[in-house]
């Protein structure tokens, strides 16, 4: 039952024109707040300790490099 509610909420948010990343974030937050007994402090602690891993930092840098390449190629002279 919880899975159907989550998918309905996710697709409902995406159908309203909200970006996928924000839709996923709001769906996860609403699941954590309303459907589980996990303390929010534990979730925040896990998020901040996960940032310290060097391998995960490759993802935002890869996106940043893609943005540099996209915008650098369009400004050619």
PDB file of N, CA and C in Angstrom:
ATOM      1  N   UNK A   1       0.822  -1.197   0.000  1.00  0.00           N
ATOM      2  CA  UNK A   1       0.000   0.000   0.000  1.00  0.00           C
ATOM      3  C   UNK A   1       0.866   1.262   0.000  1.00  0.00           C
ATOM      4  N   UNK A   2       1.941   1.236   0.795  1.00  0.00           N
ATOM      5  CA  UNK A   2       2.815   2.405   0.840  1.00  0.00           C
ATOM      6  C   UNK A   2       3.471   2.667  -0.513  1.00  0.00           C
ATOM      7  N   UNK A   3       3.823   1.614  -1.218  1.00  0.00           N
ATOM      8  CA  UNK A   3       4.485   1.779  -2.509  1.00  0.00           C
ATOM      9  C   UNK A   3       3.561   2.455  -3.523  1.00  0.00           C
ATOM     10  N   UNK A   4       2.290   2.120  -3.514  1.00  0.00           N
ATOM     11  CA  UNK A   4       1.370   2.761  -4.459  1.00  0.00           C
ATOM     12  C   UNK A   4       1.197   4.242  -4.135  1.00  0.00           C
ATOM     13  N   UNK A   5       1.149   4.575  -2.854  1.00  0.00           N
ATOM     14  CA  UNK A   5       1.033   5.983  -2.462  1.00  0.00           C
ATOM     15  C   UNK A   5       2.270   6.757  -2.900  1.00  0.00           C
ATOM     16  N   UNK A   6       3.435   6.156  -2.731  1.00  0.00           N
ATOM     17  CA  UNK A   6       4.680   6.815  -3.115  1.00  0.00           C
ATOM     18  C   UNK A   6       4.721   7.052  -4.613  1.00  0.00           C
ATOM     19  N   UNK A   7       4.366   6.036  -5.404  1.00  0.00           N
ATOM     20  CA  UNK A   7       4.413   6.205  -6.854  1.00  0.00           C
ATOM     21  C   UNK A   7       3.365   7.198  -7.345  1.00  0.00           C
ATOM     22  N   UNK A   8       2.196   7.191  -6.747  1.00  0.00           N
ATOM     23  CA  UNK A   8       1.172   8.167  -7.133  1.00  0.00           C
ATOM     24  C   UNK A   8       1.646   9.586  -6.825  1.00  0.00           C
ATOM     25  N   UNK A   9       2.257   9.768  -5.651  1.00  0.00           N
ATOM     26  CA  UNK A   9       2.770  11.090  -5.285  1.00  0.00           C
ATOM     27  C   UNK A   9       3.887  11.515  -6.232  1.00  0.00           C
ATOM     28  N   UNK A  10       4.792  10.601  -6.552  1.00  0.00           N
ATOM     29  CA  UNK A  10       5.899  10.916  -7.445  1.00  0.00           C
ATOM     30  C   UNK A  10       5.404  11.302  -8.836  1.00  0.00           C
ATOM     31  N   UNK A  11       4.541  10.499  -9.410  1.00  0.00           N
ATOM     32  CA  UNK A  11       4.044  10.804 -10.752  1.00  0.00           C
ATOM     33  C   UNK A  11       3.140  12.041 -10.750  1.00  0.00           C
ATOM     34  N   UNK A  12       2.403  12.240  -9.660  1.00  0.00           N
ATOM     35  CA  UNK A  12       1.575  13.444  -9.562  1.00  0.00           C
ATOM     36  C   UNK A  12       2.420  14.708  -9.544  1.00  0.00           C
ATOM     37  N   UNK A  13       3.528  14.671  -8.801  1.00  0.00           N
ATOM     38  CA  UNK A  13       4.406  15.840  -8.773  1.00  0.00           C
ATOM     39  C   UNK A  13       5.072  16.070 -10.127  1.00  0.00           C
ATOM     40  N   UNK A  14       5.459  14.984 -10.791  1.00  0.00           N
ATOM     41  CA  UNK A  14       6.102  15.153 -12.102  1.00  0.00           C
ATOM     42  C   UNK A  14       5.106  15.632 -13.155  1.00  0.00           C
ATOM     43  N   UNK A  15       3.856  15.225 -13.040  1.00  0.00           N
ATOM     44  CA  UNK A  15       2.846  15.673 -14.008  1.00  0.00           C
ATOM     45  C   UNK A  15       2.519  17.153 -13.855  1.00  0.00           C
ATOM     46  N   UNK A  16       2.764  17.708 -12.683  1.00  0.00           N
ATOM     47  CA  UNK A  16       2.519  19.135 -12.500  1.00  0.00           C
ATOM     48  C   UNK A  16       3.623  19.998 -13.100  1.00  0.00           C
ATOM     49  N   UNK A  17       4.667  19.365 -13.619  1.00  0.00           N
ATOM     50  CA  UNK A  17       5.743  20.117 -14.250  1.00  0.00           C
ATOM     51  C   UNK A  17       6.935  20.337 -13.343  1.00  0.00           C
ATOM     52  N   UNK A  18       6.943  19.719 -12.194  1.00  0.00           N
ATOM     53  CA  UNK A  18       8.057  19.863 -11.267  1.00  0.00           C
ATOM     54  C   UNK A  18       9.241  19.028 -11.763  1.00  0.00           C
ATOM     55  N   UNK A  19      10.464  19.525 -11.628  1.00  0.00           N
ATOM     56  CA  UNK A  19      11.629  18.732 -12.056  1.00  0.00           C
ATOM     57  C   UNK A  19      11.704  17.402 -11.312  1.00  0.00           C
ATOM     58  N   UNK A  20      12.316  16.416 -11.964  1.00  0.00           N
ATOM     59  CA  UNK A  20      12.378  15.066 -11.412  1.00  0.00           C
ATOM     60  C   UNK A  20      13.138  15.048 -10.080  1.00  0.00           C
ATOM     61  N   UNK A  21      14.219  15.808 -10.003  1.00  0.00           N
ATOM     62  CA  UNK A  21      15.011  15.787  -8.772  1.00  0.00           C
ATOM     63  C   UNK A  21      14.217  16.320  -7.583  1.00  0.00           C
ATOM     64  N   UNK A  22      13.468  17.377  -7.791  1.00  0.00           N
ATOM     65  CA  UNK A  22      12.668  17.936  -6.702  1.00  0.00           C
ATOM     66  C   UNK A  22      11.497  17.014  -6.376  1.00  0.00           C
ATOM     67  N   UNK A  23      10.916  16.389  -7.389  1.00  0.00           N
ATOM     68  CA  UNK A  23       9.827  15.436  -7.147  1.00  0.00           C
ATOM     69  C   UNK A  23      10.308  14.256  -6.320  1.00  0.00           C
ATOM     70  N   UNK A  24      11.484  13.735  -6.648  1.00  0.00           N
ATOM     71  CA  UNK A  24      12.038  12.629  -5.867  1.00  0.00           C
ATOM     72  C   UNK A  24      12.323  13.059  -4.435  1.00  0.00           C
ATOM     73  N   UNK A  25      12.885  14.235  -4.269  1.00  0.00           N
ATOM     74  CA  UNK A  25      13.202  14.718  -2.934  1.00  0.00           C
ATOM     75  C   UNK A  25      11.964  14.910  -2.085  1.00  0.00           C
ATOM     76  N   UNK A  26      10.935  15.527  -2.638  1.00  0.00           N
ATOM     77  CA  UNK A  26       9.702  15.742  -1.880  1.00  0.00           C
ATOM     78  C   UNK A  26       8.997  14.431  -1.564  1.00  0.00           C
ATOM     79  N   UNK A  27       9.070  13.475  -2.485  1.00  0.00           N
ATOM     80  CA  UNK A  27       8.461  12.173  -2.231  1.00  0.00           C
ATOM     81  C   UNK A  27       9.165  11.457  -1.093  1.00  0.00           C
ATOM     82  N   UNK A  28      10.494  11.484  -1.102  1.00  0.00           N
ATOM     83  CA  UNK A  28      11.254  10.832  -0.029  1.00  0.00           C
ATOM     84  C   UNK A  28      11.004  11.526   1.311  1.00  0.00           C
ATOM     85  N   UNK A  29      11.000  12.852   1.311  1.00  0.00           N
ATOM     86  CA  UNK A  29      10.756  13.573   2.566  1.00  0.00           C
ATOM     87  C   UNK A  29       9.361  13.309   3.123  1.00  0.00           C
ATOM     88  N   UNK A  30       8.366  13.283   2.243  1.00  0.00           N
ATOM     89  CA  UNK A  30       7.011  13.012   2.718  1.00  0.00           C
ATOM     90  C   UNK A  30       6.892  11.577   3.228  1.00  0.00           C
ATOM     91  N   UNK A  31       7.602  10.636   2.588  1.00  0.00           N
ATOM     92  CA  UNK A  31       7.606   9.262   3.081  1.00  0.00           C
ATOM     93  C   UNK A  31       8.247   9.189   4.461  1.00  0.00           C
ATOM     94  N   UNK A  32       9.380   9.874   4.642  1.00  0.00           N
ATOM     95  CA  UNK A  32      10.059   9.840   5.937  1.00  0.00           C
ATOM     96  C   UNK A  32       9.240  10.504   7.034  1.00  0.00           C
ATOM     97  N   UNK A  33       8.560  11.589   6.711  1.00  0.00           N
ATOM     98  CA  UNK A  33       7.786  12.301   7.727  1.00  0.00           C
ATOM     99  C   UNK A  33       6.511  11.571   8.123  1.00  0.00           C
ATOM    100  N   UNK A  34       5.804  11.009   7.151  1.00  0.00           N
ATOM    101  CA  UNK A  34       4.461  10.514   7.419  1.00  0.00           C
ATOM    102  C   UNK A  34       4.325   9.005   7.496  1.00  0.00           C
ATOM    103  N   UNK A  35       5.228   8.236   6.907  1.00  0.00           N
ATOM    104  CA  UNK A  35       5.015   6.792   6.813  1.00  0.00           C
ATOM    105  C   UNK A  35       6.043   5.952   7.564  1.00  0.00           C
ATOM    106  N   UNK A  36       7.033   6.565   8.188  1.00  0.00           N
ATOM    107  CA  UNK A  36       8.022   5.800   8.949  1.00  0.00           C
ATOM    108  C   UNK A  36       8.198   6.395  10.334  1.00  0.00           C
ATOM    109  N   UNK A  37       8.872   5.640  11.180  1.00  0.00           N
ATOM    110  CA  UNK A  37       9.185   6.114  12.528  1.00  0.00           C
ATOM    111  C   UNK A  37      10.654   6.460  12.669  1.00  0.00           C
ATOM    112  N   UNK A  38      11.353   6.639  11.536  1.00  0.00           N
ATOM    113  CA  UNK A  38      12.774   6.964  11.568  1.00  0.00           C
ATOM    114  C   UNK A  38      12.935   8.408  12.033  1.00  0.00           C
ATOM    115  N   UNK A  39      13.802   8.660  13.028  1.00  0.00           N
ATOM    116  CA  UNK A  39      14.010  10.047  13.445  1.00  0.00           C
ATOM    117  C   UNK A  39      14.713  10.861  12.357  1.00  0.00           C
ATOM    118  N   UNK A  40      14.270  12.079  12.178  1.00  0.00           N
ATOM    119  CA  UNK A  40      14.822  12.942  11.139  1.00  0.00           C
ATOM    120  C   UNK A  40      16.292  13.249  11.421  1.00  0.00           C
ATOM    121  N   UNK A  41      16.674  13.280  12.685  1.00  0.00           N
ATOM    122  CA  UNK A  41      18.076  13.536  13.020  1.00  0.00           C
ATOM    123  C   UNK A  41      18.981  12.436  12.475  1.00  0.00           C
ATOM    124  N   UNK A  42      18.508  11.198  12.492  1.00  0.00           N
ATOM    125  CA  UNK A  42      19.297  10.088  11.958  1.00  0.00           C
ATOM    126  C   UNK A  42      19.465  10.213  10.448  1.00  0.00           C
ATOM    127  N   UNK A  43      18.431  10.674   9.769  1.00  0.00           N
ATOM    128  CA  UNK A  43      18.514  10.866   8.312  1.00  0.00           C
ATOM    129  C   UNK A  43      19.503  11.980   7.994  1.00  0.00           C
ATOM    130  N   UNK A  44      19.446  13.075   8.728  1.00  0.00           N
ATOM    131  CA  UNK A  44      20.364  14.189   8.488  1.00  0.00           C
ATOM    132  C   UNK A  44      21.804  13.768   8.759  1.00  0.00           C
ATOM    133  N   UNK A  45      22.026  13.008   9.810  1.00  0.00           N
ATOM    134  CA  UNK A  45      23.372  12.535  10.129  1.00  0.00           C
ATOM    135  C   UNK A  45      23.911  11.628   9.038  1.00  0.00           C
ATOM    136  N   UNK A  46      23.073  10.747   8.520  1.00  0.00           N
ATOM    137  CA  UNK A  46      23.493   9.836   7.450  1.00  0.00           C
ATOM    138  C   UNK A  46      23.816  10.617   6.169  1.00  0.00           C
ATOM    139  N   UNK A  47      23.041  11.667   5.878  1.00  0.00           N
ATOM    140  CA  UNK A  47      23.310  12.475   4.690  1.00  0.00           C
ATOM    141  C   UNK A  47      24.651  13.190   4.796  1.00  0.00           C
ATOM    142  N   UNK A  48      24.927  13.769   5.947  1.00  0.00           N
ATOM    143  CA  UNK A  48      26.169  14.520   6.101  1.00  0.00           C
ATOM    144  C   UNK A  48      27.389  13.618   6.149  1.00  0.00           C
ATOM    145  N   UNK A  49      27.272  12.418   6.700  1.00  0.00           N
ATOM    146  CA  UNK A  49      28.415  11.508   6.690  1.00  0.00           C
ATOM    147  C   UNK A  49      28.631  10.920   5.304  1.00  0.00           C
ATOM    148  N   UNK A  50      27.587  10.840   4.492  1.00  0.00           N
ATOM    149  CA  UNK A  50      27.737  10.328   3.136  1.00  0.00           C
ATOM    150  C   UNK A  50      28.432  11.305   2.206  1.00  0.00           C
ATOM    151  N   UNK A  51      28.382  12.600   2.536  1.00  0.00           N
ATOM    152  CA  UNK A  51      29.025  13.617   1.709  1.00  0.00           C
ATOM    153  C   UNK A  51      30.542  13.487   1.767  1.00  0.00           C
ATOM    154  N   UNK A  52      31.060  12.962   2.859  1.00  0.00           N
ATOM    155  CA  UNK A  52      32.500  12.901   3.047  1.00  0.00           C
ATOM    156  C   UNK A  52      33.191  11.848   2.188  1.00  0.00           C
ATOM    157  N   UNK A  53      32.458  11.003   1.518  1.00  0.00           N
ATOM    158  CA  UNK A  53      33.064   9.963   0.692  1.00  0.00           C
ATOM    159  C   UNK A  53      33.571  10.575  -0.611  1.00  0.00           C
ATOM    160  N   UNK A  54      34.808  10.255  -0.933  1.00  0.00           N
ATOM    161  CA  UNK A  54      35.447  10.850  -2.101  1.00  0.00           C
ATOM    162  C   UNK A  54      34.819  10.373  -3.406  1.00  0.00           C
ATOM    163  N   UNK A  55      34.387   9.125  -3.461  1.00  0.00           N
ATOM    164  CA  UNK A  55      33.831   8.565  -4.703  1.00  0.00           C
ATOM    165  C   UNK A  55      32.539   9.262  -5.099  1.00  0.00           C
ATOM    166  N   UNK A  56      31.745   9.668  -4.121  1.00  0.00           N
ATOM    167  CA  UNK A  56      30.464  10.303  -4.420  1.00  0.00           C
ATOM    168  C   UNK A  56      30.666  11.704  -4.991  1.00  0.00           C
ATOM    169  N   UNK A  57      31.780  12.336  -4.681  1.00  0.00           N
ATOM    170  CA  UNK A  57      32.042  13.683  -5.184  1.00  0.00           C
ATOM    171  C   UNK A  57      32.251  13.705  -6.693  1.00  0.00           C
ATOM    172  N   UNK A  58      32.498  12.552  -7.310  1.00  0.00           N
ATOM    173  CA  UNK A  58      32.675  12.507  -8.758  1.00  0.00           C
ATOM    174  C   UNK A  58      31.386  12.868  -9.500  1.00  0.00           C
ATOM    175  N   UNK A  59      30.237  12.583  -8.917  1.00  0.00           N
ATOM    176  CA  UNK A  59      28.962  12.821  -9.599  1.00  0.00           C
ATOM    177  C   UNK A  59      28.715  14.316  -9.829  1.00  0.00           C
ATOM    178  N   UNK A  60      28.758  15.182  -8.807  1.00  0.00           N
ATOM    179  CA  UNK A  60      28.524  16.603  -9.088  1.00  0.00           C
ATOM    180  C   UNK A  60      29.612  17.228  -9.953  1.00  0.00           C
ATOM    181  N   UNK A  61      30.861  16.755  -9.813  1.00  0.00           N
ATOM    182  CA  UNK A  61      31.922  17.294 -10.657  1.00  0.00           C
ATOM    183  C   UNK A  61      31.742  16.882 -12.113  1.00  0.00           C
ATOM    184  N   UNK A  62      31.213  15.697 -12.349  1.00  0.00           N
ATOM    185  CA  UNK A  62      30.929  15.269 -13.716  1.00  0.00           C
ATOM    186  C   UNK A  62      29.841  16.138 -14.333  1.00  0.00           C
ATOM    187  N   UNK A  63      28.816  16.447 -13.557  1.00  0.00           N
ATOM    188  CA  UNK A  63      27.750  17.330 -14.037  1.00  0.00           C
ATOM    189  C   UNK A  63      28.292  18.732 -14.287  1.00  0.00           C
ATOM    190  N   UNK A  64      29.148  19.220 -13.396  1.00  0.00           N
ATOM    191  CA  UNK A  64      29.753  20.537 -13.567  1.00  0.00           C
ATOM    192  C   UNK A  64      30.615  20.592 -14.821  1.00  0.00           C
ATOM    193  N   UNK A  65      31.386  19.536 -15.076  1.00  0.00           N
ATOM    194  CA  UNK A  65      32.209  19.498 -16.283  1.00  0.00           C
ATOM    195  C   UNK A  65      31.338  19.488 -17.538  1.00  0.00           C
ATOM    196  N   UNK A  66      30.214  18.789 -17.498  1.00  0.00           N
ATOM    197  CA  UNK A  66      29.292  18.792 -18.630  1.00  0.00           C
ATOM    198  C   UNK A  66      28.713  20.168 -18.888  1.00  0.00           C
ATOM    199  N   UNK A  67      28.402  20.897 -17.809  1.00  0.00           N
ATOM    200  CA  UNK A  67      27.895  22.265 -17.967  1.00  0.00           C
ATOM    201  C   UNK A  67      28.960  23.182 -18.544  1.00  0.00           C
ATOM    202  N   UNK A  68      30.210  23.021 -18.100  1.00  0.00           N
ATOM    203  CA  UNK A  68      31.298  23.823 -18.671  1.00  0.00           C
ATOM    204  C   UNK A  68      31.444  23.551 -20.159  1.00  0.00           C
ATOM    205  N   UNK A  69      31.404  22.296 -20.537  1.00  0.00           N
ATOM    206  CA  UNK A  69      31.551  21.958 -21.955  1.00  0.00           C
ATOM    207  C   UNK A  69      30.383  22.459 -22.784  1.00  0.00           C
ATOM    208  N   UNK A  70      29.179  22.379 -22.247  1.00  0.00           N
ATOM    209  CA  UNK A  70      28.009  22.846 -22.990  1.00  0.00           C
ATOM    210  C   UNK A  70      28.036  24.343 -23.196  1.00  0.00           C
ATOM    211  N   UNK A  71      28.309  25.095 -22.154  1.00  0.00           N
ATOM    212  CA  UNK A  71      28.289  26.544 -22.255  1.00  0.00           C
ATOM    213  C   UNK A  71      29.551  27.073 -22.918  1.00  0.00           C
ATOM    214  N   UNK A  72      30.646  26.372 -22.801  1.00  0.00           N
ATOM    215  CA  UNK A  72      31.879  26.816 -23.457  1.00  0.00           C
ATOM    216  C   UNK A  72      31.823  26.649 -24.963  1.00  0.00           C
ATOM    217  N   UNK A  73      31.148  25.605 -25.436  1.00  0.00           N
ATOM    218  CA  UNK A  73      31.053  25.362 -26.876  1.00  0.00           C
ATOM    219  C   UNK A  73      30.108  26.352 -27.543  1.00  0.00           C
ATOM    220  N   UNK A  74      29.099  26.817 -26.825  1.00  0.00           N
ATOM    221  CA  UNK A  74      28.133  27.739 -27.435  1.00  0.00           C
ATOM    222  C   UNK A  74      28.658  29.175 -27.489  1.00  0.00           C
ATOM    223  N   UNK A  75      29.709  29.487 -26.768  1.00  0.00           N
ATOM    224  CA  UNK A  75      30.260  30.841 -26.754  1.00  0.00           C
ATOM    225  C   UNK A  75      31.490  30.967 -27.652  1.00  0.00           C
ATOM    226  N   UNK A  76      31.657  30.026 -28.529  1.00  0.00           N
ATOM    227  CA  UNK A  76      32.840  30.045 -29.380  1.00  0.00           C
ATOM    228  C   UNK A  76      32.941  31.313 -30.223  1.00  0.00           C
ATOM    229  N   UNK A  77      34.165  31.655 -30.586  1.00  0.00           N
ATOM    230  CA  UNK A  77      34.296  32.914 -31.279  1.00  0.00           C
ATOM    231  C   UNK A  77      35.070  32.836 -32.466  1.00  0.00           C
TER     232      UNK A  77
END
